[in-house]
C-alpha atoms as a PDB file:
ATOM      1  CA  UNK A   1     118.651  91.257  77.680  1.00  0.00           C
ATOM      2  CA  UNK A   2     121.845  89.357  78.386  1.00  0.00           C
ATOM      3  CA  UNK A   3     120.126  86.515  80.213  1.00  0.00           C
ATOM      4  CA  UNK A   4     118.574  83.759  78.192  1.00  0.00           C
ATOM      5  CA  UNK A   5     115.011  83.584  79.539  1.00  0.00           C
ATOM      6  CA  UNK A   6     112.849  80.524  78.893  1.00  0.00           C
ATOM      7  CA  UNK A   7     109.136  81.282  79.253  1.00  0.00           C
ATOM      8  CA  UNK A   8     106.880  78.291  79.791  1.00  0.00           C
ATOM      9  CA  UNK A   9     103.255  78.972  78.884  1.00  0.00           C
ATOM     10  CA  UNK A  10     103.716  81.492  76.101  1.00  0.00           C
ATOM     11  CA  UNK A  11     100.257  80.693  74.736  1.00  0.00           C
ATOM     12  CA  UNK A  12      98.233  81.747  77.773  1.00  0.00           C
ATOM     13  CA  UNK A  13      96.960  85.279  78.333  1.00  0.00           C
ATOM     14  CA  UNK A  14      99.569  86.251  80.882  1.00  0.00           C
ATOM     15  CA  UNK A  15     102.337  84.858  78.685  1.00  0.00           C
ATOM     16  CA  UNK A  16     100.983  86.760  75.682  1.00  0.00           C
ATOM     17  CA  UNK A  17     100.781  90.016  77.659  1.00  0.00           C
ATOM     18  CA  UNK A  18     104.366  89.569  78.824  1.00  0.00           C
ATOM     19  CA  UNK A  19     105.667  88.805  75.335  1.00  0.00           C
ATOM     20  CA  UNK A  20     103.914  91.883  73.938  1.00  0.00           C
ATOM     21  CA  UNK A  21     105.430  94.168  76.569  1.00  0.00           C
ATOM     22  CA  UNK A  22     108.871  92.628  76.134  1.00  0.00           C
ATOM     23  CA  UNK A  23     108.703  93.061  72.356  1.00  0.00           C
ATOM     24  CA  UNK A  24     107.753  96.727  72.800  1.00  0.00           C
ATOM     25  CA  UNK A  25     111.076  97.171  74.626  1.00  0.00           C
ATOM     26  CA  UNK A  26     112.976  95.019  72.106  1.00  0.00           C
ATOM     27  CA  UNK A  27     113.507  92.316  74.727  1.00  0.00           C
ATOM     28  CA  UNK A  28     113.536  88.769  73.434  1.00  0.00           C
ATOM     29  CA  UNK A  29     112.146  85.925  75.527  1.00  0.00           C
ATOM     30  CA  UNK A  30     112.237  82.336  74.361  1.00  0.00           C
ATOM     31  CA  UNK A  31     108.644  81.152  74.710  1.00  0.00           C
ATOM     32  CA  UNK A  32     107.406  77.566  74.773  1.00  0.00           C
ATOM     33  CA  UNK A  33     103.692  76.897  74.354  1.00  0.00           C
ATOM     34  CA  UNK A  34     101.711  74.216  76.137  1.00  0.00           C
ATOM     35  CA  UNK A  35     102.157  70.878  74.328  1.00  0.00           C
ATOM     36  CA  UNK A  36      99.069  69.130  72.993  1.00  0.00           C
ATOM     37  CA  UNK A  37      99.464  66.339  75.545  1.00  0.00           C
ATOM     38  CA  UNK A  38      99.979  68.780  78.425  1.00  0.00           C
ATOM     39  CA  UNK A  39     103.111  69.437  80.468  1.00  0.00           C
ATOM     40  CA  UNK A  40     104.762  66.073  81.130  1.00  0.00           C
ATOM     41  CA  UNK A  41     107.468  65.783  83.834  1.00  0.00           C
ATOM     42  CA  UNK A  42     110.185  64.595  81.449  1.00  0.00           C
ATOM     43  CA  UNK A  43     109.668  67.710  79.320  1.00  0.00           C
ATOM     44  CA  UNK A  44     111.270  69.773  82.081  1.00  0.00           C
ATOM     45  CA  UNK A  45     114.553  67.923  81.568  1.00  0.00           C
ATOM     46  CA  UNK A  46     114.353  68.236  77.785  1.00  0.00           C
ATOM     47  CA  UNK A  47     113.616  71.966  77.900  1.00  0.00           C
ATOM     48  CA  UNK A  48     116.507  72.708  80.238  1.00  0.00           C
ATOM     49  CA  UNK A  49     118.915  70.604  78.204  1.00  0.00           C
ATOM     50  CA  UNK A  50     117.816  72.048  74.861  1.00  0.00           C
ATOM     51  CA  UNK A  51     117.389  75.742  75.665  1.00  0.00           C
ATOM     52  CA  UNK A  52     120.209  76.034  78.226  1.00  0.00           C
ATOM     53  CA  UNK A  53     118.524  79.043  79.868  1.00  0.00           C
ATOM     54  CA  UNK A  54     119.894  81.335  82.545  1.00  0.00           C
ATOM     55  CA  UNK A  55     116.385  81.781  83.935  1.00  0.00           C
ATOM     56  CA  UNK A  56     113.121  79.874  83.613  1.00  0.00           C
ATOM     57  CA  UNK A  57     109.820  81.720  84.027  1.00  0.00           C
ATOM     58  CA  UNK A  58     107.176  79.144  84.835  1.00  0.00           C
ATOM     59  CA  UNK A  59     103.720  80.266  83.682  1.00  0.00           C
ATOM     60  CA  UNK A  60     102.833  76.766  82.517  1.00  0.00           C
ATOM     61  CA  UNK A  61      99.801  76.387  84.795  1.00  0.00           C
ATOM     62  CA  UNK A  62      98.616  80.007  84.877  1.00  0.00           C
ATOM     63  CA  UNK A  63      95.178  79.131  83.491  1.00  0.00           C
ATOM     64  CA  UNK A  64      94.640  76.208  85.864  1.00  0.00           C
ATOM     65  CA  UNK A  65      95.778  78.173  88.924  1.00  0.00           C
ATOM     66  CA  UNK A  66      94.453  81.675  88.393  1.00  0.00           C
ATOM     67  CA  UNK A  67      91.485  81.390  86.043  1.00  0.00           C
ATOM     68  CA  UNK A  68      89.973  77.951  86.576  1.00  0.00           C
ATOM     69  CA  UNK A  69      91.204  77.407  90.130  1.00  0.00           C
ATOM     70  CA  UNK A  70      91.233  73.669  89.544  1.00  0.00           C
ATOM     71  CA  UNK A  71      91.041  71.555  92.680  1.00  0.00           C
ATOM     72  CA  UNK A  72      90.659  68.102  91.113  1.00  0.00           C
ATOM     73  CA  UNK A  73      93.265  65.487  91.958  1.00  0.00           C
ATOM     74  CA  UNK A  74      94.439  64.701  88.421  1.00  0.00           C
ATOM     75  CA  UNK A  75      95.097  68.349  87.519  1.00  0.00           C
ATOM     76  CA  UNK A  76      96.941  69.011  90.765  1.00  0.00           C
ATOM     77  CA  UNK A  77      99.036  65.884  90.394  1.00  0.00           C
ATOM     78  CA  UNK A  78     100.053  66.837  86.843  1.00  0.00           C
ATOM     79  CA  UNK A  79     101.115  70.286  88.024  1.00  0.00           C
ATOM     80  CA  UNK A  80     103.011  68.909  91.013  1.00  0.00           C
ATOM     81  CA  UNK A  81     104.939  66.337  88.991  1.00  0.00           C
ATOM     82  CA  UNK A  82     105.996  68.820  86.313  1.00  0.00           C
ATOM     83  CA  UNK A  83     106.863  71.652  88.690  1.00  0.00           C
ATOM     84  CA  UNK A  84     108.846  69.438  91.080  1.00  0.00           C
ATOM     85  CA  UNK A  85     110.852  68.062  88.157  1.00  0.00           C
ATOM     86  CA  UNK A  86     111.485  71.601  86.921  1.00  0.00           C
ATOM     87  CA  UNK A  87     112.643  72.730  90.374  1.00  0.00           C
ATOM     88  CA  UNK A  88     115.028  69.786  90.619  1.00  0.00           C
ATOM     89  CA  UNK A  89     116.414  70.455  87.148  1.00  0.00           C
ATOM     90  CA  UNK A  90     116.945  74.190  87.759  1.00  0.00           C
ATOM     91  CA  UNK A  91     118.617  73.438  91.087  1.00  0.00           C
ATOM     92  CA  UNK A  92     121.029  70.912  89.554  1.00  0.00           C
ATOM     93  CA  UNK A  93     121.989  73.292  86.720  1.00  0.00           C
ATOM     94  CA  UNK A  94     122.099  76.447  88.904  1.00  0.00           C
ATOM     95  CA  UNK A  95     119.371  78.051  86.781  1.00  0.00           C
ATOM     96  CA  UNK A  96     117.243  80.822  88.288  1.00  0.00           C
ATOM     97  CA  UNK A  97     113.566  79.849  88.511  1.00  0.00           C
ATOM     98  CA  UNK A  98     110.708  82.341  88.750  1.00  0.00           C
ATOM     99  CA  UNK A  99     107.386  80.851  89.832  1.00  0.00           C
ATOM    100  CA  UNK A 100     103.896  82.242  90.401  1.00  0.00           C
ATOM    101  CA  UNK A 101     101.881  81.658  93.546  1.00  0.00           C
ATOM    102  CA  UNK A 102      98.867  83.324  95.099  1.00  0.00           C
ATOM    103  CA  UNK A 103      96.982  84.398  98.203  1.00  0.00           C
ATOM    104  CA  UNK A 104      95.560  80.859  98.270  1.00  0.00           C
ATOM    105  CA  UNK A 105      98.507  79.937 100.500  1.00  0.00           C
ATOM    106  CA  UNK A 106      96.719  81.846 103.307  1.00  0.00           C
ATOM    107  CA  UNK A 107      93.519  80.931 105.129  1.00  0.00           C
ATOM    108  CA  UNK A 108      92.063  84.428 104.719  1.00  0.00           C
ATOM    109  CA  UNK A 109      91.340  84.959 108.408  1.00  0.00           C
ATOM    110  CA  UNK A 110      93.612  88.009 108.627  1.00  0.00           C
ATOM    111  CA  UNK A 111      91.674  91.276 108.509  1.00  0.00           C
ATOM    112  CA  UNK A 112      94.427  93.305 106.822  1.00  0.00           C
ATOM    113  CA  UNK A 113      96.425  92.648 103.645  1.00  0.00           C
ATOM    114  CA  UNK A 114      98.818  89.707 103.693  1.00  0.00           C
ATOM    115  CA  UNK A 115     102.549  90.377 103.712  1.00  0.00           C
ATOM    116  CA  UNK A 116     105.479  88.105 102.926  1.00  0.00           C
ATOM    117  CA  UNK A 117     106.046  87.631 106.675  1.00  0.00           C
ATOM    118  CA  UNK A 118     102.683  85.907 107.178  1.00  0.00           C
ATOM    119  CA  UNK A 119     102.926  82.139 107.613  1.00  0.00           C
ATOM    120  CA  UNK A 120     101.132  80.147 104.893  1.00  0.00           C
ATOM    121  CA  UNK A 121      98.017  78.324 106.117  1.00  0.00           C
ATOM    122  CA  UNK A 122      96.198  77.122 102.999  1.00  0.00           C
ATOM    123  CA  UNK A 123      92.644  75.815 103.281  1.00  0.00           C
ATOM    124  CA  UNK A 124      92.261  74.266  99.820  1.00  0.00           C
ATOM    125  CA  UNK A 125      94.045  71.655  97.741  1.00  0.00           C
ATOM    126  CA  UNK A 126      95.429  74.165  95.235  1.00  0.00           C
ATOM    127  CA  UNK A 127      96.655  76.427  98.024  1.00  0.00           C
ATOM    128  CA  UNK A 128      98.357  73.481  99.721  1.00  0.00           C
ATOM    129  CA  UNK A 129     100.081  72.573  96.460  1.00  0.00           C
ATOM    130  CA  UNK A 130     101.249  76.139  95.939  1.00  0.00           C
ATOM    131  CA  UNK A 131     102.655  76.277  99.485  1.00  0.00           C
ATOM    132  CA  UNK A 132     104.381  72.918  98.989  1.00  0.00           C
ATOM    133  CA  UNK A 133     105.951  74.032  95.697  1.00  0.00           C
ATOM    134  CA  UNK A 134     107.104  77.263  97.327  1.00  0.00           C
ATOM    135  CA  UNK A 135     108.863  75.248 100.045  1.00  0.00           C
ATOM    136  CA  UNK A 136     110.463  72.957  97.477  1.00  0.00           C
ATOM    137  CA  UNK A 137     111.753  75.906  95.480  1.00  0.00           C
ATOM    138  CA  UNK A 138     113.195  77.696  98.524  1.00  0.00           C
ATOM    139  CA  UNK A 139     114.839  74.531  99.809  1.00  0.00           C
ATOM    140  CA  UNK A 140     116.387  73.300  96.573  1.00  0.00           C
ATOM    141  CA  UNK A 141     116.995  76.386  94.457  1.00  0.00           C
ATOM    142  CA  UNK A 142     118.714  79.373  96.128  1.00  0.00           C
ATOM    143  CA  UNK A 143     118.309  81.488  92.978  1.00  0.00           C
ATOM    144  CA  UNK A 144     114.558  81.855  92.865  1.00  0.00           C
ATOM    145  CA  UNK A 145     111.733  84.373  92.715  1.00  0.00           C
ATOM    146  CA  UNK A 146     108.228  83.606  93.996  1.00  0.00           C
ATOM    147  CA  UNK A 147     105.576  86.123  92.954  1.00  0.00           C
ATOM    148  CA  UNK A 148     102.293  85.877  94.839  1.00  0.00           C
ATOM    149  CA  UNK A 149      99.272  87.589  93.297  1.00  0.00           C
ATOM    150  CA  UNK A 150      95.727  88.178  94.464  1.00  0.00           C
ATOM    151  CA  UNK A 151      92.976  88.176  91.779  1.00  0.00           C
ATOM    152  CA  UNK A 152      94.483  88.009  88.281  1.00  0.00           C
ATOM    153  CA  UNK A 153      92.002  89.198  85.653  1.00  0.00           C
ATOM    154  CA  UNK A 154      91.912  88.459  81.958  1.00  0.00           C
ATOM    155  CA  UNK A 155      89.082  88.306  79.427  1.00  0.00           C
ATOM    156  CA  UNK A 156      88.850  84.508  79.155  1.00  0.00           C
ATOM    157  CA  UNK A 157      85.147  83.526  79.375  1.00  0.00           C
ATOM    158  CA  UNK A 158      85.874  80.809  81.949  1.00  0.00           C
ATOM    159  CA  UNK A 159      87.827  83.075  84.299  1.00  0.00           C
ATOM    160  CA  UNK A 160      86.468  85.110  87.231  1.00  0.00           C
ATOM    161  CA  UNK A 161      86.269  88.344  85.229  1.00  0.00           C
ATOM    162  CA  UNK A 162      84.666  86.641  82.240  1.00  0.00           C
ATOM    163  CA  UNK A 163      82.109  84.972  84.514  1.00  0.00           C
ATOM    164  CA  UNK A 164      81.362  88.311  86.170  1.00  0.00           C
ATOM    165  CA  UNK A 165      80.727  89.967  82.790  1.00  0.00           C
ATOM    166  CA  UNK A 166      78.451  87.097  81.747  1.00  0.00           C
ATOM    167  CA  UNK A 167      76.520  87.394  85.015  1.00  0.00           C
ATOM    168  CA  UNK A 168      76.077  91.153  84.622  1.00  0.00           C
ATOM    169  CA  UNK A 169      74.657  90.580  81.146  1.00  0.00           C
ATOM    170  CA  UNK A 170      72.359  87.776  82.279  1.00  0.00           C
ATOM    171  CA  UNK A 171      68.616  88.061  82.952  1.00  0.00           C
ATOM    172  CA  UNK A 172      68.715  87.078  86.633  1.00  0.00           C
ATOM    173  CA  UNK A 173      69.910  88.946  89.728  1.00  0.00           C
ATOM    174  CA  UNK A 174      73.620  88.345  90.242  1.00  0.00           C
ATOM    175  CA  UNK A 175      74.507  86.465  93.425  1.00  0.00           C
ATOM    176  CA  UNK A 176      77.946  87.515  94.675  1.00  0.00           C
ATOM    177  CA  UNK A 177      79.837  86.596  97.849  1.00  0.00           C
ATOM    178  CA  UNK A 178      79.790  89.003 100.763  1.00  0.00           C
ATOM    179  CA  UNK A 179      83.081  90.498 101.957  1.00  0.00           C
ATOM    180  CA  UNK A 180      85.341  88.648  99.527  1.00  0.00           C
ATOM    181  CA  UNK A 181      88.324  91.006  99.522  1.00  0.00           C
ATOM    182  CA  UNK A 182      91.287  91.209  97.188  1.00  0.00           C
ATOM    183  CA  UNK A 183      93.288  93.191  94.649  1.00  0.00           C
ATOM    184  CA  UNK A 184      91.810  93.079  91.131  1.00  0.00           C
ATOM    185  CA  UNK A 185      94.968  92.845  89.005  1.00  0.00           C
ATOM    186  CA  UNK A 186      94.781  92.830  85.177  1.00  0.00           C
ATOM    187  CA  UNK A 187      97.250  90.458  83.537  1.00  0.00           C
ATOM    188  CA  UNK A 188      98.870  93.407  81.772  1.00  0.00           C
ATOM    189  CA  UNK A 189      99.831  94.794  85.188  1.00  0.00           C
ATOM    190  CA  UNK A 190     101.104  91.384  86.316  1.00  0.00           C
ATOM    191  CA  UNK A 191     103.158  91.194  83.103  1.00  0.00           C
ATOM    192  CA  UNK A 192     104.612  94.644  83.856  1.00  0.00           C
ATOM    193  CA  UNK A 193     105.735  93.429  87.267  1.00  0.00           C
ATOM    194  CA  UNK A 194     107.289  90.250  85.877  1.00  0.00           C
ATOM    195  CA  UNK A 195     109.170  92.130  83.158  1.00  0.00           C
ATOM    196  CA  UNK A 196     110.475  94.693  85.660  1.00  0.00           C
ATOM    197  CA  UNK A 197     111.778  91.913  87.883  1.00  0.00           C
ATOM    198  CA  UNK A 198     113.423  90.198  84.913  1.00  0.00           C
ATOM    199  CA  UNK A 199     115.219  93.392  83.922  1.00  0.00           C
ATOM    200  CA  UNK A 200     116.731  93.799  87.376  1.00  0.00           C
ATOM    201  CA  UNK A 201     117.780  90.163  87.507  1.00  0.00           C
ATOM    202  CA  UNK A 202     119.454  90.758  84.150  1.00  0.00           C
ATOM    203  CA  UNK A 203     121.560  93.401  85.884  1.00  0.00           C
ATOM    204  CA  UNK A 204     122.814  90.718  88.295  1.00  0.00           C
ATOM    205  CA  UNK A 205     120.870  92.170  91.213  1.00  0.00           C
ATOM    206  CA  UNK A 206     120.760  89.748  94.135  1.00  0.00           C
ATOM    207  CA  UNK A 207     117.048  90.131  94.825  1.00  0.00           C
ATOM    208  CA  UNK A 208     115.922  86.530  95.212  1.00  0.00           C
ATOM    209  CA  UNK A 209     112.997  85.682  97.480  1.00  0.00           C
ATOM    210  CA  UNK A 210     109.222  85.899  97.836  1.00  0.00           C
ATOM    211  CA  UNK A 211     107.236  88.971  96.812  1.00  0.00           C
ATOM    212  CA  UNK A 212     103.588  90.046  96.746  1.00  0.00           C
ATOM    213  CA  UNK A 213     101.827  92.217  94.210  1.00  0.00           C
ATOM    214  CA  UNK A 214      98.287  93.417  93.727  1.00  0.00           C
ATOM    215  CA  UNK A 215      96.976  96.443  91.871  1.00  0.00           C
ATOM    216  CA  UNK A 216      95.757  99.108  94.276  1.00  0.00           C
ATOM    217  CA  UNK A 217      93.348  99.529  95.961  1.00  0.00           C
ATOM    218  CA  UNK A 218      91.900  96.576  97.899  1.00  0.00           C
ATOM    219  CA  UNK A 219      88.177  96.143  97.328  1.00  0.00           C
ATOM    220  CA  UNK A 220      85.390  93.594  97.703  1.00  0.00           C
ATOM    221  CA  UNK A 221      84.234  91.538  94.741  1.00  0.00           C
ATOM    222  CA  UNK A 222      80.815  93.215  95.016  1.00  0.00           C
ATOM    223  CA  UNK A 223      82.429  96.660  95.021  1.00  0.00           C
ATOM    224  CA  UNK A 224      84.477  95.682  91.982  1.00  0.00           C
ATOM    225  CA  UNK A 225      81.367  94.318  90.222  1.00  0.00           C
ATOM    226  CA  UNK A 226      79.468  97.566  90.843  1.00  0.00           C
ATOM    227  CA  UNK A 227      82.304  99.598  89.367  1.00  0.00           C
ATOM    228  CA  UNK A 228      82.507  97.302  86.318  1.00  0.00           C
ATOM    229  CA  UNK A 229      78.732  97.583  85.885  1.00  0.00           C
ATOM    230  CA  UNK A 230      78.889 101.374  85.735  1.00  0.00           C
ATOM    231  CA  UNK A 231      81.696 101.191  83.173  1.00  0.00           C
ATOM    232  CA  UNK A 232      79.631  98.822  81.014  1.00  0.00           C
ATOM    233  CA  UNK A 233      76.604 101.114  81.244  1.00  0.00           C
ATOM    234  CA  UNK A 234      78.778 104.048  80.174  1.00  0.00           C
ATOM    235  CA  UNK A 235      79.917 102.064  77.138  1.00  0.00           C
ATOM    236  CA  UNK A 236      76.364 101.141  76.171  1.00  0.00           C
ATOM    237  CA  UNK A 237      76.990  97.447  76.861  1.00  0.00           C
ATOM    238  CA  UNK A 238      74.375  97.417  79.639  1.00  0.00           C
ATOM    239  CA  UNK A 239      71.068  99.273  79.638  1.00  0.00           C
ATOM    240  CA  UNK A 240      70.804  99.780  83.389  1.00  0.00           C
ATOM    241  CA  UNK A 241      71.810  98.656  86.864  1.00  0.00           C
ATOM    242  CA  UNK A 242      71.734  94.920  87.510  1.00  0.00           C
ATOM    243  CA  UNK A 243      70.428  93.669  90.849  1.00  0.00           C
ATOM    244  CA  UNK A 244      73.246  92.226  92.955  1.00  0.00           C
ATOM    245  CA  UNK A 245      72.251  89.847  95.726  1.00  0.00           C
ATOM    246  CA  UNK A 246      74.934  89.399  98.424  1.00  0.00           C
ATOM    247  CA  UNK A 247      75.230  85.808  99.649  1.00  0.00           C
ATOM    248  CA  UNK A 248      77.484  84.226 102.303  1.00  0.00           C
ATOM    249  CA  UNK A 249      81.017  83.631 101.047  1.00  0.00           C
ATOM    250  CA  UNK A 250      81.004  79.974 102.113  1.00  0.00           C
ATOM    251  CA  UNK A 251      77.802  79.305 100.171  1.00  0.00           C
ATOM    252  CA  UNK A 252      79.486  79.701  96.775  1.00  0.00           C
ATOM    253  CA  UNK A 253      80.867  76.345  95.542  1.00  0.00           C
ATOM    254  CA  UNK A 254      83.152  78.011  92.986  1.00  0.00           C
ATOM    255  CA  UNK A 255      85.036  79.681  95.862  1.00  0.00           C
ATOM    256  CA  UNK A 256      85.892  76.425  97.610  1.00  0.00           C
ATOM    257  CA  UNK A 257      89.506  76.511  98.774  1.00  0.00           C
ATOM    258  CA  UNK A 258      89.873  80.264  98.298  1.00  0.00           C
ATOM    259  CA  UNK A 259      90.646  82.607 101.203  1.00  0.00           C
ATOM    260  CA  UNK A 260      87.891  85.107 101.956  1.00  0.00           C
ATOM    261  CA  UNK A 261      90.597  87.752 102.370  1.00  0.00           C
ATOM    262  CA  UNK A 262      92.840  87.492  99.291  1.00  0.00           C
ATOM    263  CA  UNK A 263      94.342  90.962  99.662  1.00  0.00           C
ATOM    264  CA  UNK A 264      98.131  91.256  99.432  1.00  0.00           C
ATOM    265  CA  UNK A 265     100.511  94.119 100.170  1.00  0.00           C
ATOM    266  CA  UNK A 266     103.288  94.801  97.634  1.00  0.00           C
ATOM    267  CA  UNK A 267     105.399  97.083  99.827  1.00  0.00           C
ATOM    268  CA  UNK A 268     108.435  94.762  99.794  1.00  0.00           C
ATOM    269  CA  UNK A 269     108.379  94.613  95.986  1.00  0.00           C
ATOM    270  CA  UNK A 270     108.325  98.412  95.840  1.00  0.00           C
ATOM    271  CA  UNK A 271     111.176  98.779  98.343  1.00  0.00           C
ATOM    272  CA  UNK A 272     113.435  96.188  96.698  1.00  0.00           C
ATOM    273  CA  UNK A 273     112.668  96.755  93.013  1.00  0.00           C
ATOM    274  CA  UNK A 274     111.262 100.286  93.059  1.00  0.00           C
ATOM    275  CA  UNK A 275     108.119  99.062  91.265  1.00  0.00           C
ATOM    276  CA  UNK A 276     105.117 101.204  92.138  1.00  0.00           C
ATOM    277  CA  UNK A 277     101.619  99.718  92.093  1.00  0.00           C
ATOM    278  CA  UNK A 278      99.022 100.908  89.607  1.00  0.00           C
ATOM    279  CA  UNK A 279      95.354 101.269  90.416  1.00  0.00           C
ATOM    280  CA  UNK A 280      92.986  98.724  88.948  1.00  0.00           C
ATOM    281  CA  UNK A 281      90.488 101.517  88.240  1.00  0.00           C
ATOM    282  CA  UNK A 282      92.906 103.196  85.822  1.00  0.00           C
ATOM    283  CA  UNK A 283      93.521  99.882  84.048  1.00  0.00           C
ATOM    284  CA  UNK A 284      89.922  98.678  83.790  1.00  0.00           C
ATOM    285  CA  UNK A 285      89.123 100.635  80.581  1.00  0.00           C
ATOM    286  CA  UNK A 286      91.926  98.834  78.716  1.00  0.00           C
ATOM    287  CA  UNK A 287      90.676  95.478  79.999  1.00  0.00           C
ATOM    288  CA  UNK A 288      87.157  96.311  78.802  1.00  0.00           C
ATOM    289  CA  UNK A 289      88.553  97.484  75.438  1.00  0.00           C
ATOM    290  CA  UNK A 290      90.114  94.052  75.044  1.00  0.00           C
ATOM    291  CA  UNK A 291      86.838  92.432  76.022  1.00  0.00           C
ATOM    292  CA  UNK A 292      84.901  94.453  73.452  1.00  0.00           C
ATOM    293  CA  UNK A 293      87.422  93.602  70.753  1.00  0.00           C
ATOM    294  CA  UNK A 294      86.961  89.910  71.484  1.00  0.00           C
ATOM    295  CA  UNK A 295      83.160  90.183  71.509  1.00  0.00           C
ATOM    296  CA  UNK A 296      82.969  91.859  68.124  1.00  0.00           C
ATOM    297  CA  UNK A 297      85.844  90.321  66.198  1.00  0.00           C
END
């Protein structure tokens, strides 16, 4: 790759998946891991000055945004201060900035999948921050890519997928939200998308803008859980069906600030980049293989 790519957040699971796929294609990315004291605003200036990148890929707050879904003021303020400083620095140095966002920028009232033409209407603090950072990036930095995802899945115990697995293995009936819709997207698939975009940017393609991606097809969280349960039974990790009790979406405190419809349509990404979506069903076995490896290592 001719571009010098600076990856922020090389230690998290999405960063690790991306680095592994890049290495398999002999592509070198310069990765920076999360500092012990967290991402401080002044670090953005130091990183840009030291690495002199052509492109910055900001995965610094992947875990906070996509796995923990943190809504507390201190965490959001830390992310805002760092990301705004990074946007300003990339704009002043004419560096391309690629940033992640999510379906949280929508209120979820739409009955079909969200497209890039839909106006953001976030209902939670994290969604409002993501929408604000998107606006800042578009306004200040013409050379930018915003990638919005739906449900990103990794095997971290604290993430949505890890919590689902723990619930399926628990002794009590599993209470899951009714009609919570989205695209279950393994981080390996998200990493594939990011790497494909990077390769086209490396060819000097003028493809800046906002794009959606979600593994196909759209499903409910209960439908996804039932499919995962059958896979676990087939692997001998569950002895039988677990009772699932549907509950109102708004009754689940862990879903506060999330849109009930988190489904996104990646048609624009396919038309511009030629990147075809993969089904989450075909990728679930690999995700469960990774989970098993972690359980028994």
